[in-house]
PDB file of N, CA and C in Angstrom:
ATOM      1  N   UNK A   1       7.655   5.972  30.925  1.00  0.00           N
ATOM      2  CA  UNK A   1       6.807   4.850  30.575  1.00  0.00           C
ATOM      3  C   UNK A   1       5.746   5.221  29.537  1.00  0.00           C
ATOM      4  N   UNK A   2       5.110   6.396  29.613  1.00  0.00           N
ATOM      5  CA  UNK A   2       4.124   6.733  28.568  1.00  0.00           C
ATOM      6  C   UNK A   2       4.733   6.800  27.179  1.00  0.00           C
ATOM      7  N   UNK A   3       6.007   7.234  27.077  1.00  0.00           N
ATOM      8  CA  UNK A   3       6.657   7.289  25.767  1.00  0.00           C
ATOM      9  C   UNK A   3       6.833   5.888  25.200  1.00  0.00           C
ATOM     10  N   UNK A   4       7.166   4.947  26.050  1.00  0.00           N
ATOM     11  CA  UNK A   4       7.338   3.566  25.620  1.00  0.00           C
ATOM     12  C   UNK A   4       6.012   2.994  25.126  1.00  0.00           C
ATOM     13  N   UNK A   5       4.943   3.257  25.857  1.00  0.00           N
ATOM     14  CA  UNK A   5       3.631   2.771  25.461  1.00  0.00           C
ATOM     15  C   UNK A   5       3.169   3.410  24.152  1.00  0.00           C
ATOM     16  N   UNK A   6       3.429   4.702  24.002  1.00  0.00           N
ATOM     17  CA  UNK A   6       3.060   5.397  22.762  1.00  0.00           C
ATOM     18  C   UNK A   6       3.839   4.828  21.581  1.00  0.00           C
ATOM     19  N   UNK A   7       5.129   4.581  21.772  1.00  0.00           N
ATOM     20  CA  UNK A   7       5.942   3.999  20.705  1.00  0.00           C
ATOM     21  C   UNK A   7       5.464   2.594  20.361  1.00  0.00           C
ATOM     22  N   UNK A   8       5.121   1.823  21.369  1.00  0.00           N
ATOM     23  CA  UNK A   8       4.634   0.471  21.145  1.00  0.00           C
ATOM     24  C   UNK A   8       3.339   0.478  20.342  1.00  0.00           C
ATOM     25  N   UNK A   9       2.440   1.386  20.679  1.00  0.00           N
ATOM     26  CA  UNK A   9       1.181   1.488  19.943  1.00  0.00           C
ATOM     27  C   UNK A   9       1.403   1.949  18.505  1.00  0.00           C
ATOM     28  N   UNK A  10       2.350   2.864  18.304  1.00  0.00           N
ATOM     29  CA  UNK A  10       2.641   3.331  16.944  1.00  0.00           C
ATOM     30  C   UNK A  10       3.198   2.206  16.084  1.00  0.00           C
ATOM     31  N   UNK A  11       4.126   1.438  16.633  1.00  0.00           N
ATOM     32  CA  UNK A  11       4.722   0.326  15.880  1.00  0.00           C
ATOM     33  C   UNK A  11       3.669  -0.745  15.597  1.00  0.00           C
ATOM     34  N   UNK A  12       2.827  -1.022  16.565  1.00  0.00           N
ATOM     35  CA  UNK A  12       1.769  -2.009  16.366  1.00  0.00           C
ATOM     36  C   UNK A  12       0.784  -1.548  15.301  1.00  0.00           C
ATOM     37  N   UNK A  13       0.428  -0.269  15.326  1.00  0.00           N
ATOM     38  CA  UNK A  13      -0.497   0.263  14.333  1.00  0.00           C
ATOM     39  C   UNK A  13       0.062   0.194  12.921  1.00  0.00           C
ATOM     40  N   UNK A  14       1.311   0.575  12.760  1.00  0.00           N
ATOM     41  CA  UNK A  14       1.930   0.523  11.431  1.00  0.00           C
ATOM     42  C   UNK A  14       2.076  -0.924  10.976  1.00  0.00           C
ATOM     43  N   UNK A  15       2.418  -1.807  11.905  1.00  0.00           N
ATOM     44  CA  UNK A  15       2.528  -3.227  11.559  1.00  0.00           C
ATOM     45  C   UNK A  15       1.206  -3.808  11.092  1.00  0.00           C
ATOM     46  N   UNK A  16       0.131  -3.450  11.772  1.00  0.00           N
ATOM     47  CA  UNK A  16      -1.186  -3.922  11.345  1.00  0.00           C
ATOM     48  C   UNK A  16      -1.583  -3.330  10.003  1.00  0.00           C
ATOM     49  N   UNK A  17      -1.298  -2.051   9.832  1.00  0.00           N
ATOM     50  CA  UNK A  17      -1.654  -1.385   8.586  1.00  0.00           C
ATOM     51  C   UNK A  17      -0.927  -2.012   7.401  1.00  0.00           C
ATOM     52  N   UNK A  18       0.369  -2.160   7.516  1.00  0.00           N
ATOM     53  CA  UNK A  18       1.146  -2.694   6.400  1.00  0.00           C
ATOM     54  C   UNK A  18       1.095  -4.208   6.333  1.00  0.00           C
ATOM     55  N   UNK A  19       1.025  -4.852   7.482  1.00  0.00           N
ATOM     56  CA  UNK A  19       1.037  -6.309   7.505  1.00  0.00           C
ATOM     57  C   UNK A  19      -0.287  -6.933   7.108  1.00  0.00           C
ATOM     58  N   UNK A  20      -1.386  -6.324   7.498  1.00  0.00           N
ATOM     59  CA  UNK A  20      -2.691  -6.880   7.184  1.00  0.00           C
ATOM     60  C   UNK A  20      -3.505  -5.963   6.279  1.00  0.00           C
ATOM     61  N   UNK A  21      -3.229  -4.681   6.326  1.00  0.00           N
ATOM     62  CA  UNK A  21      -4.025  -3.723   5.570  1.00  0.00           C
ATOM     63  C   UNK A  21      -3.819  -3.807   4.069  1.00  0.00           C
ATOM     64  N   UNK A  22      -2.568  -3.880   3.632  1.00  0.00           N
ATOM     65  CA  UNK A  22      -2.309  -3.933   2.191  1.00  0.00           C
ATOM     66  C   UNK A  22      -2.823  -5.224   1.545  1.00  0.00           C
ATOM     67  N   UNK A  23      -2.586  -6.386   2.156  1.00  0.00           N
ATOM     68  CA  UNK A  23      -3.186  -7.590   1.563  1.00  0.00           C
ATOM     69  C   UNK A  23      -4.718  -7.551   1.564  1.00  0.00           C
ATOM     70  N   UNK A  24      -5.300  -6.946   2.587  1.00  0.00           N
ATOM     71  CA  UNK A  24      -6.759  -6.830   2.626  1.00  0.00           C
ATOM     72  C   UNK A  24      -7.258  -5.911   1.510  1.00  0.00           C
ATOM     73  N   UNK A  25      -6.550  -4.787   1.285  1.00  0.00           N
ATOM     74  CA  UNK A  25      -6.939  -3.894   0.186  1.00  0.00           C
ATOM     75  C   UNK A  25      -6.796  -4.584  -1.168  1.00  0.00           C
ATOM     76  N   UNK A  26      -5.736  -5.383  -1.316  1.00  0.00           N
ATOM     77  CA  UNK A  26      -5.551  -6.109  -2.565  1.00  0.00           C
ATOM     78  C   UNK A  26      -6.686  -7.115  -2.767  1.00  0.00           C
ATOM     79  N   UNK A  27      -7.042  -7.825  -1.712  1.00  0.00           N
ATOM     80  CA  UNK A  27      -8.132  -8.795  -1.814  1.00  0.00           C
ATOM     81  C   UNK A  27      -9.451  -8.103  -2.151  1.00  0.00           C
ATOM     82  N   UNK A  28      -9.685  -6.949  -1.536  1.00  0.00           N
ATOM     83  CA  UNK A  28     -10.906  -6.205  -1.843  1.00  0.00           C
ATOM     84  C   UNK A  28     -10.912  -5.711  -3.289  1.00  0.00           C
ATOM     85  N   UNK A  29      -9.747  -5.290  -3.779  1.00  0.00           N
ATOM     86  CA  UNK A  29      -9.696  -4.828  -5.172  1.00  0.00           C
ATOM     87  C   UNK A  29      -9.997  -5.970  -6.133  1.00  0.00           C
ATOM     88  N   UNK A  30      -9.465  -7.157  -5.841  1.00  0.00           N
ATOM     89  CA  UNK A  30      -9.753  -8.310  -6.685  1.00  0.00           C
ATOM     90  C   UNK A  30     -11.244  -8.664  -6.604  1.00  0.00           C
ATOM     91  N   UNK A  31     -11.805  -8.558  -5.415  1.00  0.00           N
ATOM     92  CA  UNK A  31     -13.236  -8.842  -5.245  1.00  0.00           C
ATOM     93  C   UNK A  31     -14.095  -7.871  -6.058  1.00  0.00           C
ATOM     94  N   UNK A  32     -13.776  -6.577  -5.969  1.00  0.00           N
ATOM     95  CA  UNK A  32     -14.581  -5.587  -6.663  1.00  0.00           C
ATOM     96  C   UNK A  32     -14.367  -5.609  -8.178  1.00  0.00           C
ATOM     97  N   UNK A  33     -13.229  -6.085  -8.639  1.00  0.00           N
ATOM     98  CA  UNK A  33     -12.955  -6.127 -10.079  1.00  0.00           C
ATOM     99  C   UNK A  33     -13.334  -7.458 -10.719  1.00  0.00           C
ATOM    100  N   UNK A  34     -13.743  -8.428  -9.919  1.00  0.00           N
ATOM    101  CA  UNK A  34     -14.105  -9.733 -10.478  1.00  0.00           C
ATOM    102  C   UNK A  34     -15.492  -9.661 -11.116  1.00  0.00           C
ATOM    103  N   UNK A  35     -15.750 -10.542 -12.073  1.00  0.00           N
ATOM    104  CA  UNK A  35     -17.055 -10.543 -12.734  1.00  0.00           C
ATOM    105  C   UNK A  35     -18.180 -10.873 -11.754  1.00  0.00           C
ATOM    106  N   UNK A  36     -19.367 -10.424 -12.084  1.00  0.00           N
ATOM    107  CA  UNK A  36     -20.533 -10.705 -11.259  1.00  0.00           C
ATOM    108  C   UNK A  36     -20.964 -12.156 -11.381  1.00  0.00           C
ATOM    109  N   UNK A  37     -22.039 -12.503 -10.699  1.00  0.00           N
ATOM    110  CA  UNK A  37     -22.530 -13.876 -10.720  1.00  0.00           C
ATOM    111  C   UNK A  37     -22.988 -14.299 -12.110  1.00  0.00           C
ATOM    112  N   UNK A  38     -23.473 -13.353 -12.888  1.00  0.00           N
ATOM    113  CA  UNK A  38     -23.925 -13.675 -14.249  1.00  0.00           C
ATOM    114  C   UNK A  38     -22.806 -13.592 -15.277  1.00  0.00           C
ATOM    115  N   UNK A  39     -21.580 -13.322 -14.841  1.00  0.00           N
ATOM    116  CA  UNK A  39     -20.444 -13.252 -15.756  1.00  0.00           C
ATOM    117  C   UNK A  39     -20.214 -11.886 -16.359  1.00  0.00           C
ATOM    118  N   UNK A  40     -21.005 -10.906 -15.951  1.00  0.00           N
ATOM    119  CA  UNK A  40     -20.851  -9.564 -16.516  1.00  0.00           C
ATOM    120  C   UNK A  40     -19.684  -8.837 -15.844  1.00  0.00           C
ATOM    121  N   UNK A  41     -19.089  -7.948 -16.582  1.00  0.00           N
ATOM    122  CA  UNK A  41     -17.962  -7.170 -16.063  1.00  0.00           C
ATOM    123  C   UNK A  41     -18.452  -6.211 -14.975  1.00  0.00           C
ATOM    124  N   UNK A  42     -17.599  -5.911 -14.010  1.00  0.00           N
ATOM    125  CA  UNK A  42     -18.015  -4.966 -12.970  1.00  0.00           C
ATOM    126  C   UNK A  42     -18.217  -3.579 -13.564  1.00  0.00           C
ATOM    127  N   UNK A  43     -19.186  -2.862 -13.024  1.00  0.00           N
ATOM    128  CA  UNK A  43     -19.490  -1.538 -13.559  1.00  0.00           C
ATOM    129  C   UNK A  43     -19.728  -0.563 -12.418  1.00  0.00           C
ATOM    130  N   UNK A  44     -19.610   0.700 -12.745  1.00  0.00           N
ATOM    131  CA  UNK A  44     -19.940   1.753 -11.795  1.00  0.00           C
ATOM    132  C   UNK A  44     -19.009   1.830 -10.610  1.00  0.00           C
ATOM    133  N   UNK A  45     -19.613   1.926  -9.439  1.00  0.00           N
ATOM    134  CA  UNK A  45     -18.854   2.123  -8.209  1.00  0.00           C
ATOM    135  C   UNK A  45     -17.946   0.967  -7.864  1.00  0.00           C
ATOM    136  N   UNK A  46     -18.379  -0.266  -8.171  1.00  0.00           N
ATOM    137  CA  UNK A  46     -17.517  -1.423  -7.878  1.00  0.00           C
ATOM    138  C   UNK A  46     -16.206  -1.337  -8.640  1.00  0.00           C
ATOM    139  N   UNK A  47     -16.297  -0.979  -9.881  1.00  0.00           N
ATOM    140  CA  UNK A  47     -15.092  -0.905 -10.724  1.00  0.00           C
ATOM    141  C   UNK A  47     -14.162   0.200 -10.252  1.00  0.00           C
ATOM    142  N   UNK A  48     -14.716   1.368  -9.959  1.00  0.00           N
ATOM    143  CA  UNK A  48     -13.905   2.502  -9.500  1.00  0.00           C
ATOM    144  C   UNK A  48     -13.246   2.183  -8.161  1.00  0.00           C
ATOM    145  N   UNK A  49     -14.018   1.608  -7.236  1.00  0.00           N
ATOM    146  CA  UNK A  49     -13.473   1.272  -5.919  1.00  0.00           C
ATOM    147  C   UNK A  49     -12.373   0.219  -6.033  1.00  0.00           C
ATOM    148  N   UNK A  50     -12.568  -0.750  -6.894  1.00  0.00           N
ATOM    149  CA  UNK A  50     -11.540  -1.768  -7.105  1.00  0.00           C
ATOM    150  C   UNK A  50     -10.240  -1.176  -7.630  1.00  0.00           C
ATOM    151  N   UNK A  51     -10.346  -0.256  -8.592  1.00  0.00           N
ATOM    152  CA  UNK A  51      -9.140   0.368  -9.138  1.00  0.00           C
ATOM    153  C   UNK A  51      -8.476   1.307  -8.129  1.00  0.00           C
ATOM    154  N   UNK A  52      -9.257   1.965  -7.293  1.00  0.00           N
ATOM    155  CA  UNK A  52      -8.676   2.831  -6.248  1.00  0.00           C
ATOM    156  C   UNK A  52      -7.893   1.990  -5.254  1.00  0.00           C
ATOM    157  N   UNK A  53      -8.470   0.872  -4.805  1.00  0.00           N
ATOM    158  CA  UNK A  53      -7.767   0.001  -3.861  1.00  0.00           C
ATOM    159  C   UNK A  53      -6.494  -0.560  -4.485  1.00  0.00           C
ATOM    160  N   UNK A  54      -6.563  -0.951  -5.740  1.00  0.00           N
ATOM    161  CA  UNK A  54      -5.387  -1.491  -6.417  1.00  0.00           C
ATOM    162  C   UNK A  54      -4.309  -0.425  -6.586  1.00  0.00           C
ATOM    163  N   UNK A  55      -4.700   0.809  -6.848  1.00  0.00           N
ATOM    164  CA  UNK A  55      -3.731   1.904  -6.976  1.00  0.00           C
ATOM    165  C   UNK A  55      -3.040   2.181  -5.644  1.00  0.00           C
ATOM    166  N   UNK A  56      -3.778   2.125  -4.543  1.00  0.00           N
ATOM    167  CA  UNK A  56      -3.167   2.329  -3.223  1.00  0.00           C
ATOM    168  C   UNK A  56      -2.113   1.265  -2.947  1.00  0.00           C
ATOM    169  N   UNK A  57      -2.426   0.019  -3.263  1.00  0.00           N
ATOM    170  CA  UNK A  57      -1.464  -1.072  -3.065  1.00  0.00           C
ATOM    171  C   UNK A  57      -0.252  -0.870  -3.966  1.00  0.00           C
ATOM    172  N   UNK A  58      -0.474  -0.496  -5.214  1.00  0.00           N
ATOM    173  CA  UNK A  58       0.627  -0.274  -6.152  1.00  0.00           C
ATOM    174  C   UNK A  58       1.545   0.850  -5.676  1.00  0.00           C
ATOM    175  N   UNK A  59       0.980   1.945  -5.208  1.00  0.00           N
ATOM    176  CA  UNK A  59       1.772   3.071  -4.711  1.00  0.00           C
ATOM    177  C   UNK A  59       2.579   2.662  -3.487  1.00  0.00           C
ATOM    178  N   UNK A  60       1.982   1.875  -2.605  1.00  0.00           N
ATOM    179  CA  UNK A  60       2.699   1.419  -1.410  1.00  0.00           C
ATOM    180  C   UNK A  60       3.871   0.510  -1.782  1.00  0.00           C
ATOM    181  N   UNK A  61       3.682  -0.349  -2.767  1.00  0.00           N
ATOM    182  CA  UNK A  61       4.766  -1.241  -3.201  1.00  0.00           C
ATOM    183  C   UNK A  61       5.902  -0.441  -3.834  1.00  0.00           C
ATOM    184  N   UNK A  62       5.572   0.518  -4.679  1.00  0.00           N
ATOM    185  CA  UNK A  62       6.602   1.350  -5.304  1.00  0.00           C
ATOM    186  C   UNK A  62       7.351   2.159  -4.249  1.00  0.00           C
ATOM    187  N   UNK A  63       6.637   2.721  -3.275  1.00  0.00           N
ATOM    188  CA  UNK A  63       7.278   3.490  -2.203  1.00  0.00           C
ATOM    189  C   UNK A  63       8.216   2.610  -1.390  1.00  0.00           C
ATOM    190  N   UNK A  64       7.813   1.371  -1.129  1.00  0.00           N
ATOM    191  CA  UNK A  64       8.675   0.456  -0.378  1.00  0.00           C
ATOM    192  C   UNK A  64       9.926   0.097  -1.169  1.00  0.00           C
ATOM    193  N   UNK A  65       9.774  -0.145  -2.461  1.00  0.00           N
ATOM    194  CA  UNK A  65      10.942  -0.456  -3.289  1.00  0.00           C
ATOM    195  C   UNK A  65      11.910   0.721  -3.349  1.00  0.00           C
ATOM    196  N   UNK A  66      11.373   1.935  -3.458  1.00  0.00           N
ATOM    197  CA  UNK A  66      12.239   3.117  -3.465  1.00  0.00           C
ATOM    198  C   UNK A  66      12.962   3.275  -2.127  1.00  0.00           C
ATOM    199  N   UNK A  67      12.291   2.941  -1.040  1.00  0.00           N
ATOM    200  CA  UNK A  67      12.919   3.037   0.276  1.00  0.00           C
ATOM    201  C   UNK A  67      14.027   2.005   0.424  1.00  0.00           C
ATOM    202  N   UNK A  68      13.786   0.797  -0.058  1.00  0.00           N
ATOM    203  CA  UNK A  68      14.790  -0.258   0.045  1.00  0.00           C
ATOM    204  C   UNK A  68      16.014   0.078  -0.805  1.00  0.00           C
ATOM    205  N   UNK A  69      15.794   0.586  -1.997  1.00  0.00           N
ATOM    206  CA  UNK A  69      16.896   0.866  -2.922  1.00  0.00           C
ATOM    207  C   UNK A  69      17.353   2.315  -2.874  1.00  0.00           C
ATOM    208  N   UNK A  70      17.013   3.026  -1.832  1.00  0.00           N
ATOM    209  CA  UNK A  70      17.286   4.463  -1.742  1.00  0.00           C
ATOM    210  C   UNK A  70      18.767   4.809  -1.928  1.00  0.00           C
ATOM    211  N   UNK A  71      19.629   4.145  -1.198  1.00  0.00           N
ATOM    212  CA  UNK A  71      21.061   4.483  -1.276  1.00  0.00           C
ATOM    213  C   UNK A  71      21.643   4.165  -2.647  1.00  0.00           C
ATOM    214  N   UNK A  72      21.233   3.065  -3.230  1.00  0.00           N
ATOM    215  CA  UNK A  72      21.738   2.694  -4.546  1.00  0.00           C
ATOM    216  C   UNK A  72      21.252   3.685  -5.610  1.00  0.00           C
ATOM    217  N   UNK A  73      19.994   4.089  -5.524  1.00  0.00           N
ATOM    218  CA  UNK A  73      19.450   5.061  -6.474  1.00  0.00           C
ATOM    219  C   UNK A  73      20.200   6.380  -6.354  1.00  0.00           C
ATOM    220  N   UNK A  74      20.453   6.804  -5.122  1.00  0.00           N
ATOM    221  CA  UNK A  74      21.177   8.065  -4.932  1.00  0.00           C
ATOM    222  C   UNK A  74      22.611   7.952  -5.418  1.00  0.00           C
ATOM    223  N   UNK A  75      23.246   6.799  -5.234  1.00  0.00           N
ATOM    224  CA  UNK A  75      24.617   6.610  -5.691  1.00  0.00           C
ATOM    225  C   UNK A  75      24.711   6.666  -7.210  1.00  0.00           C
ATOM    226  N   UNK A  76      23.770   6.040  -7.896  1.00  0.00           N
ATOM    227  CA  UNK A  76      23.815   5.964  -9.361  1.00  0.00           C
ATOM    228  C   UNK A  76      23.349   7.258 -10.012  1.00  0.00           C
ATOM    229  N   UNK A  77      22.216   7.805  -9.548  1.00  0.00           N
ATOM    230  CA  UNK A  77      21.612   8.929 -10.254  1.00  0.00           C
ATOM    231  C   UNK A  77      21.779  10.276  -9.559  1.00  0.00           C
ATOM    232  N   UNK A  78      22.105  10.256  -8.272  1.00  0.00           N
ATOM    233  CA  UNK A  78      22.206  11.502  -7.530  1.00  0.00           C
ATOM    234  C   UNK A  78      20.871  11.987  -6.993  1.00  0.00           C
ATOM    235  N   UNK A  79      19.790  11.239  -7.264  1.00  0.00           N
ATOM    236  CA  UNK A  79      18.457  11.610  -6.809  1.00  0.00           C
ATOM    237  C   UNK A  79      18.130  10.846  -5.536  1.00  0.00           C
ATOM    238  N   UNK A  80      17.701  11.573  -4.511  1.00  0.00           N
ATOM    239  CA  UNK A  80      17.308  10.950  -3.256  1.00  0.00           C
ATOM    240  C   UNK A  80      15.780  10.887  -3.204  1.00  0.00           C
ATOM    241  N   UNK A  81      15.187   9.675  -3.313  1.00  0.00           N
ATOM    242  CA  UNK A  81      13.723   9.574  -3.311  1.00  0.00           C
ATOM    243  C   UNK A  81      13.082   9.991  -1.993  1.00  0.00           C
ATOM    244  N   UNK A  82      13.823   9.936  -0.911  1.00  0.00           N
ATOM    245  CA  UNK A  82      13.313  10.318   0.406  1.00  0.00           C
ATOM    246  C   UNK A  82      14.287  11.288   1.070  1.00  0.00           C
ATOM    247  N   UNK A  83      14.314  12.542   0.654  1.00  0.00           N
ATOM    248  CA  UNK A  83      15.276  13.481   1.228  1.00  0.00           C
ATOM    249  C   UNK A  83      14.990  13.820   2.691  1.00  0.00           C
ATOM    250  N   UNK A  84      13.788  13.562   3.150  1.00  0.00           N
ATOM    251  CA  UNK A  84      13.426  13.896   4.522  1.00  0.00           C
ATOM    252  C   UNK A  84      13.833  12.814   5.517  1.00  0.00           C
ATOM    253  N   UNK A  85      14.369  11.677   5.045  1.00  0.00           N
ATOM    254  CA  UNK A  85      14.803  10.614   5.955  1.00  0.00           C
ATOM    255  C   UNK A  85      16.257  10.734   6.287  1.00  0.00           C
TER     256      UNK A  85
END
């Protein structure tokens, strides 16, 4: 029974992370990269944080696409993007 509960918590955690976490990071990146109230461009820490959040989302999307197309990529090019799976 503890193994079942541990597995359930792991699946729930990953589901929350990917299901709600990535859209939240994207929304935060848009918030931090949007112009200020006076119309000025974001500067300093807001700009850097916005680009970091956007890069995390971009990397996650690319990783998911590589995972989905893994077998086709390996068939065509011989390269396995996830050799550990």
